[in-house]
N, C-alpha and C. Protein backbone atom coordinates (compact mmCIF):
# COMPACT_ATOMS: atom_id res chain seq x y z
N MET A 1 26.22 10.86 3.95
CA MET A 1 25.23 10.06 3.32
C MET A 1 25.53 8.63 2.80
N GLY A 2 26.85 8.42 3.13
CA GLY A 2 27.37 7.05 2.78
C GLY A 2 26.81 6.05 3.80
N GLN A 3 26.28 6.37 4.89
CA GLN A 3 25.77 5.44 5.83
C GLN A 3 24.23 5.20 5.67
N THR A 4 23.84 3.98 5.68
CA THR A 4 22.51 3.73 5.54
C THR A 4 21.97 3.22 6.88
N MET A 5 20.64 3.49 7.01
CA MET A 5 20.02 3.21 8.39
C MET A 5 18.80 2.37 8.21
N LYS A 6 18.64 1.21 9.01
CA LYS A 6 17.63 0.33 8.96
C LYS A 6 16.36 0.78 9.85
N HIS A 7 15.22 0.56 9.34
CA HIS A 7 13.95 0.99 10.11
C HIS A 7 13.11 -0.27 10.15
N GLN A 8 12.02 -0.21 11.11
CA GLN A 8 11.06 -1.18 11.23
C GLN A 8 10.59 -1.50 9.76
N ASN A 9 9.94 -2.69 9.66
CA ASN A 9 9.48 -3.15 8.32
C ASN A 9 10.65 -3.47 7.38
N ASP A 10 11.88 -3.62 7.74
CA ASP A 10 12.90 -3.85 6.91
C ASP A 10 13.05 -2.90 5.75
N ARG A 11 12.91 -1.48 6.16
CA ARG A 11 13.20 -0.36 5.13
C ARG A 11 14.58 0.03 5.47
N GLU A 12 15.15 0.60 4.42
CA GLU A 12 16.51 1.12 4.57
C GLU A 12 16.57 2.45 3.98
N LEU A 13 17.15 3.57 4.86
CA LEU A 13 17.15 4.74 4.39
C LEU A 13 18.34 4.95 3.46
N VAL A 14 18.04 5.44 2.25
CA VAL A 14 19.18 5.50 1.26
C VAL A 14 19.60 6.95 0.90
N ALA A 15 18.73 7.96 1.31
CA ALA A 15 18.91 9.30 1.12
C ALA A 15 18.13 10.08 2.20
N ARG A 16 18.78 11.16 2.44
CA ARG A 16 17.95 12.17 3.65
C ARG A 16 17.93 13.60 2.99
N ASP A 17 16.82 14.14 3.43
CA ASP A 17 16.42 15.53 3.17
C ASP A 17 16.27 15.78 1.57
N VAL A 18 15.78 14.96 0.91
CA VAL A 18 15.63 15.07 -0.59
C VAL A 18 14.37 16.01 -0.87
N ARG A 19 14.49 16.96 -1.66
CA ARG A 19 13.55 18.00 -1.97
C ARG A 19 13.02 17.89 -3.43
N PRO A 20 11.80 18.09 -3.71
CA PRO A 20 11.19 18.09 -4.97
C PRO A 20 11.83 19.30 -5.82
N ASP A 21 12.03 19.10 -7.12
CA ASP A 21 12.48 20.14 -7.87
C ASP A 21 11.30 21.06 -8.24
N ASN A 22 11.41 21.89 -9.14
CA ASN A 22 10.36 22.96 -9.39
C ASN A 22 9.18 22.38 -10.12
N ARG A 23 9.41 21.05 -10.67
CA ARG A 23 8.27 20.38 -11.29
C ARG A 23 7.82 19.24 -10.44
N GLN A 24 8.09 19.26 -9.06
CA GLN A 24 7.58 18.34 -8.12
C GLN A 24 8.11 16.91 -8.40
N ARG A 25 9.33 16.81 -8.93
CA ARG A 25 10.00 15.58 -9.11
C ARG A 25 11.04 15.24 -8.01
N VAL A 26 10.96 14.05 -7.62
CA VAL A 26 12.09 13.69 -6.65
C VAL A 26 12.91 12.55 -7.35
N SER A 27 14.19 12.67 -7.10
CA SER A 27 15.10 11.67 -7.60
C SER A 27 15.45 10.68 -6.56
N PRO A 28 15.06 9.36 -6.73
CA PRO A 28 15.40 8.45 -5.94
C PRO A 28 16.85 7.87 -5.64
N GLY A 29 17.75 8.36 -6.77
CA GLY A 29 19.18 8.19 -6.74
C GLY A 29 19.57 6.66 -6.43
N ALA A 30 20.38 6.49 -5.34
CA ALA A 30 20.82 5.27 -4.89
C ALA A 30 19.68 4.18 -4.77
N ALA A 31 18.51 4.53 -4.37
CA ALA A 31 17.44 3.56 -4.18
C ALA A 31 17.15 2.88 -5.54
N LEU A 32 17.53 3.25 -6.70
CA LEU A 32 17.27 2.70 -7.95
C LEU A 32 18.38 1.51 -8.44
N LYS A 33 19.30 1.35 -7.59
CA LYS A 33 20.38 0.43 -7.86
C LYS A 33 19.71 -1.02 -8.15
N ASP A 34 20.17 -1.52 -9.32
CA ASP A 34 19.48 -2.78 -9.79
C ASP A 34 18.18 -2.62 -10.33
N LEU A 35 17.62 -1.58 -10.43
CA LEU A 35 16.20 -1.49 -11.06
C LEU A 35 16.08 -0.71 -12.21
N SER A 36 17.17 -0.60 -13.10
CA SER A 36 17.11 0.04 -14.44
C SER A 36 16.10 -0.22 -15.39
N ASP A 37 15.42 -1.44 -15.22
CA ASP A 37 14.54 -1.96 -16.25
C ASP A 37 13.09 -1.97 -15.70
N ALA A 38 12.97 -1.51 -14.46
CA ALA A 38 11.51 -1.31 -13.75
C ALA A 38 10.93 -0.24 -14.08
N THR A 39 9.47 -0.37 -13.88
CA THR A 39 8.56 0.73 -13.64
C THR A 39 8.04 0.68 -12.31
N PHE A 40 7.36 1.67 -11.97
CA PHE A 40 6.82 1.67 -10.54
C PHE A 40 5.51 2.12 -10.39
N ASP A 41 4.70 1.30 -9.32
CA ASP A 41 3.37 1.67 -8.87
C ASP A 41 3.69 2.65 -7.72
N VAL A 42 2.94 3.73 -7.62
CA VAL A 42 3.15 4.60 -6.59
C VAL A 42 1.91 4.59 -5.61
N TYR A 43 2.25 4.47 -4.46
CA TYR A 43 1.06 4.33 -3.46
C TYR A 43 1.35 5.47 -2.24
N ARG A 44 0.28 5.78 -1.64
CA ARG A 44 0.39 6.74 -0.49
C ARG A 44 -0.54 6.03 0.53
N ASP A 45 0.20 5.70 1.71
CA ASP A 45 -0.49 5.08 2.98
C ASP A 45 -1.28 6.03 3.68
N GLY A 46 -1.95 5.48 4.86
CA GLY A 46 -2.70 6.34 5.59
C GLY A 46 -1.89 7.36 6.44
N ARG A 47 -0.53 7.00 6.57
CA ARG A 47 0.26 8.06 7.33
C ARG A 47 0.88 8.94 6.46
N GLY A 48 0.58 8.85 5.10
CA GLY A 48 1.15 10.10 4.12
C GLY A 48 2.38 9.53 3.52
N ASN A 49 2.95 8.46 3.69
CA ASN A 49 4.04 7.93 3.22
C ASN A 49 3.94 7.41 1.65
N ILE A 50 4.74 7.92 0.87
CA ILE A 50 4.81 7.57 -0.55
C ILE A 50 5.59 6.35 -0.86
N ILE A 51 4.96 5.37 -1.38
CA ILE A 51 5.65 4.13 -1.51
C ILE A 51 5.81 3.84 -2.90
N LEU A 52 7.02 3.52 -3.23
CA LEU A 52 7.30 3.13 -4.92
C LEU A 52 7.53 1.62 -4.97
N GLU A 53 6.66 1.00 -5.56
CA GLU A 53 6.81 -0.54 -5.67
C GLU A 53 7.12 -0.74 -7.20
N PRO A 54 8.54 -1.45 -7.31
CA PRO A 54 9.09 -1.61 -8.60
C PRO A 54 8.16 -2.87 -9.33
N GLN A 55 8.08 -2.68 -10.61
CA GLN A 55 7.37 -3.75 -11.42
C GLN A 55 8.24 -4.02 -12.60
N VAL A 56 8.29 -5.33 -13.03
CA VAL A 56 8.92 -5.51 -14.41
C VAL A 56 7.82 -6.28 -15.14
N THR A 57 8.16 -6.09 -16.41
CA THR A 57 7.14 -6.72 -17.60
C THR A 57 7.59 -8.01 -17.95
N ILE A 58 6.84 -8.94 -17.96
CA ILE A 58 7.17 -10.17 -18.43
C ILE A 58 6.55 -10.41 -19.97
N PRO A 59 7.31 -10.66 -20.84
CA PRO A 59 6.76 -10.81 -22.40
C PRO A 59 5.61 -11.97 -22.18
N THR A 60 4.69 -11.76 -23.23
CA THR A 60 3.46 -12.78 -23.18
C THR A 60 4.00 -14.09 -23.57
N SER A 61 5.06 -14.18 -24.38
CA SER A 61 5.66 -15.48 -24.71
C SER A 61 6.33 -16.23 -23.58
N GLU A 62 6.54 -15.58 -22.59
CA GLU A 62 7.29 -16.27 -21.40
C GLU A 62 6.46 -16.30 -20.05
N VAL A 63 5.10 -15.63 -20.11
CA VAL A 63 4.26 -15.63 -18.97
C VAL A 63 3.78 -16.98 -18.69
N TRP A 64 3.66 -17.92 -19.64
CA TRP A 64 3.13 -19.31 -19.43
C TRP A 64 4.02 -20.03 -18.27
N LEU A 65 5.21 -19.67 -18.25
CA LEU A 65 6.06 -20.39 -17.37
C LEU A 65 5.76 -20.00 -16.00
N PHE A 66 5.31 -18.61 -15.64
CA PHE A 66 5.01 -18.25 -14.27
C PHE A 66 3.61 -18.69 -13.98
N ARG A 67 2.89 -19.05 -14.96
CA ARG A 67 1.37 -19.56 -14.70
C ARG A 67 1.38 -21.17 -14.52
N ASN A 68 2.48 -21.75 -14.78
CA ASN A 68 2.52 -23.22 -14.68
C ASN A 68 3.53 -23.66 -13.63
N ARG A 69 3.16 -23.82 -12.42
CA ARG A 69 3.85 -24.12 -11.23
C ARG A 69 5.00 -25.16 -11.40
N ASN A 70 4.44 -26.36 -12.02
CA ASN A 70 5.40 -27.42 -12.23
C ASN A 70 6.54 -27.18 -13.19
N ALA A 71 6.21 -26.36 -14.12
CA ALA A 71 7.30 -25.90 -15.04
C ALA A 71 8.31 -25.04 -14.41
N LEU A 72 7.73 -24.04 -13.64
CA LEU A 72 8.62 -23.08 -13.02
C LEU A 72 9.46 -23.84 -11.94
N GLU A 73 8.89 -24.81 -11.25
CA GLU A 73 9.74 -25.51 -10.15
C GLU A 73 10.82 -26.39 -10.99
N SER A 74 10.50 -26.93 -12.08
CA SER A 74 11.44 -27.83 -12.89
C SER A 74 12.52 -26.84 -13.17
N VAL A 75 12.25 -25.62 -13.85
CA VAL A 75 13.36 -24.63 -14.21
C VAL A 75 14.29 -24.39 -13.00
N ALA A 76 13.67 -24.11 -11.83
CA ALA A 76 14.32 -23.75 -10.73
C ALA A 76 15.19 -24.82 -10.24
N ARG A 77 14.68 -26.08 -10.39
CA ARG A 77 15.54 -27.29 -9.95
C ARG A 77 16.80 -27.29 -10.78
N GLY A 78 16.41 -27.13 -12.19
CA GLY A 78 17.68 -27.26 -13.12
C GLY A 78 18.71 -26.11 -12.96
N LEU A 79 18.27 -24.95 -12.57
CA LEU A 79 19.17 -23.87 -12.27
C LEU A 79 20.05 -24.10 -10.96
N GLU A 80 19.34 -24.82 -9.94
CA GLU A 80 20.00 -25.23 -8.68
C GLU A 80 21.08 -26.22 -9.12
N GLU A 81 20.73 -27.26 -9.90
CA GLU A 81 21.77 -28.24 -10.33
C GLU A 81 22.84 -27.66 -11.17
N LEU A 82 22.54 -26.75 -12.05
CA LEU A 82 23.61 -26.11 -12.72
C LEU A 82 24.51 -25.45 -11.84
N ALA A 83 24.03 -24.66 -10.83
CA ALA A 83 24.98 -23.98 -9.83
C ALA A 83 25.90 -24.99 -9.10
N ARG A 84 25.29 -26.09 -8.81
CA ARG A 84 26.08 -27.10 -7.94
C ARG A 84 26.95 -27.87 -9.04
N GLY A 85 26.88 -27.69 -10.39
CA GLY A 85 27.94 -28.47 -11.24
C GLY A 85 27.21 -29.77 -11.55
N GLU A 86 25.81 -30.12 -11.30
CA GLU A 86 25.38 -31.42 -11.58
C GLU A 86 24.61 -31.69 -12.85
N THR A 87 25.06 -30.89 -13.75
CA THR A 87 24.54 -31.07 -15.10
C THR A 87 25.39 -31.65 -16.18
N THR A 88 24.73 -32.30 -17.04
CA THR A 88 25.52 -33.15 -18.15
C THR A 88 25.07 -32.43 -19.55
N VAL A 89 26.04 -32.14 -20.33
CA VAL A 89 25.72 -31.49 -21.59
C VAL A 89 25.57 -32.79 -22.55
N ARG A 90 24.42 -32.48 -23.27
CA ARG A 90 24.05 -33.57 -24.31
C ARG A 90 23.92 -32.94 -25.52
N ASP A 91 24.25 -33.82 -26.64
CA ASP A 91 24.12 -33.34 -28.07
C ASP A 91 22.56 -33.48 -28.49
N ALA A 92 21.76 -32.36 -28.15
CA ALA A 92 20.50 -32.45 -28.41
C ALA A 92 20.26 -31.61 -29.82
N LYS A 93 19.31 -32.28 -30.53
CA LYS A 93 18.77 -31.65 -31.80
C LYS A 93 18.29 -30.25 -31.51
N PRO A 94 18.33 -29.36 -32.41
CA PRO A 94 17.67 -28.08 -32.19
C PRO A 94 16.15 -28.30 -32.03
N LEU A 95 15.40 -27.55 -31.30
CA LEU A 95 14.03 -27.62 -31.43
C LEU A 95 13.35 -27.10 -32.70
N ARG A 96 12.37 -27.77 -33.07
CA ARG A 96 11.58 -27.28 -34.37
C ARG A 96 10.27 -26.78 -33.91
N ILE A 97 10.22 -25.34 -34.32
CA ILE A 97 8.96 -24.76 -34.08
C ILE A 97 8.07 -24.58 -35.18
N THR A 98 6.82 -25.25 -35.10
CA THR A 98 6.08 -25.08 -36.26
C THR A 98 4.92 -24.07 -36.00
N ARG A 99 4.61 -23.38 -37.03
CA ARG A 99 3.50 -22.43 -36.87
C ARG A 99 2.10 -23.07 -36.78
N ILE A 100 1.34 -22.62 -36.04
CA ILE A 100 -0.01 -23.05 -35.82
C ILE A 100 -0.91 -22.10 -36.71
N ALA A 101 -1.58 -22.67 -37.78
CA ALA A 101 -2.34 -21.89 -38.56
C ALA A 101 -3.52 -21.27 -37.92
N LYS A 102 -3.84 -20.01 -38.17
CA LYS A 102 -5.08 -19.31 -37.70
C LYS A 102 -6.12 -19.88 -38.60
N SER A 103 -7.43 -19.68 -38.05
CA SER A 103 -8.64 -20.10 -38.80
C SER A 103 -8.64 -19.36 -40.11
N SER A 104 -8.25 -18.17 -40.10
CA SER A 104 -8.39 -17.35 -41.29
C SER A 104 -7.26 -17.65 -42.41
N ASP A 105 -6.29 -18.54 -41.90
CA ASP A 105 -5.31 -18.91 -42.83
C ASP A 105 -5.67 -20.26 -43.59
N ARG A 106 -6.78 -20.82 -42.96
CA ARG A 106 -7.06 -22.04 -43.70
C ARG A 106 -8.20 -21.91 -44.91
N ARG A 107 -8.56 -20.83 -45.14
CA ARG A 107 -9.64 -20.58 -46.06
C ARG A 107 -9.04 -20.51 -47.43
């Protein structure tokens, strides 16, 4: 089982002859490498193949970044510059976060 095999559509065989237990569960074992924080959507295609699609949750406080293409590209550029050692450390003041009052707080 130490050998992996590539198939069409860039699939990789990671286990062979896996059988469900008495509760119809299958352990994907090595296929879960690097997916410890993921959940899965489960699909069955027209050929009967079962497909597990890993999903991760993004906190609502961070989702704005993925919805703002310019900001996301800016972060990616910054990370690339950091990896190349092209960054300068500056003495920046800490960010001050102010609370936005709800309409119910103003009464």
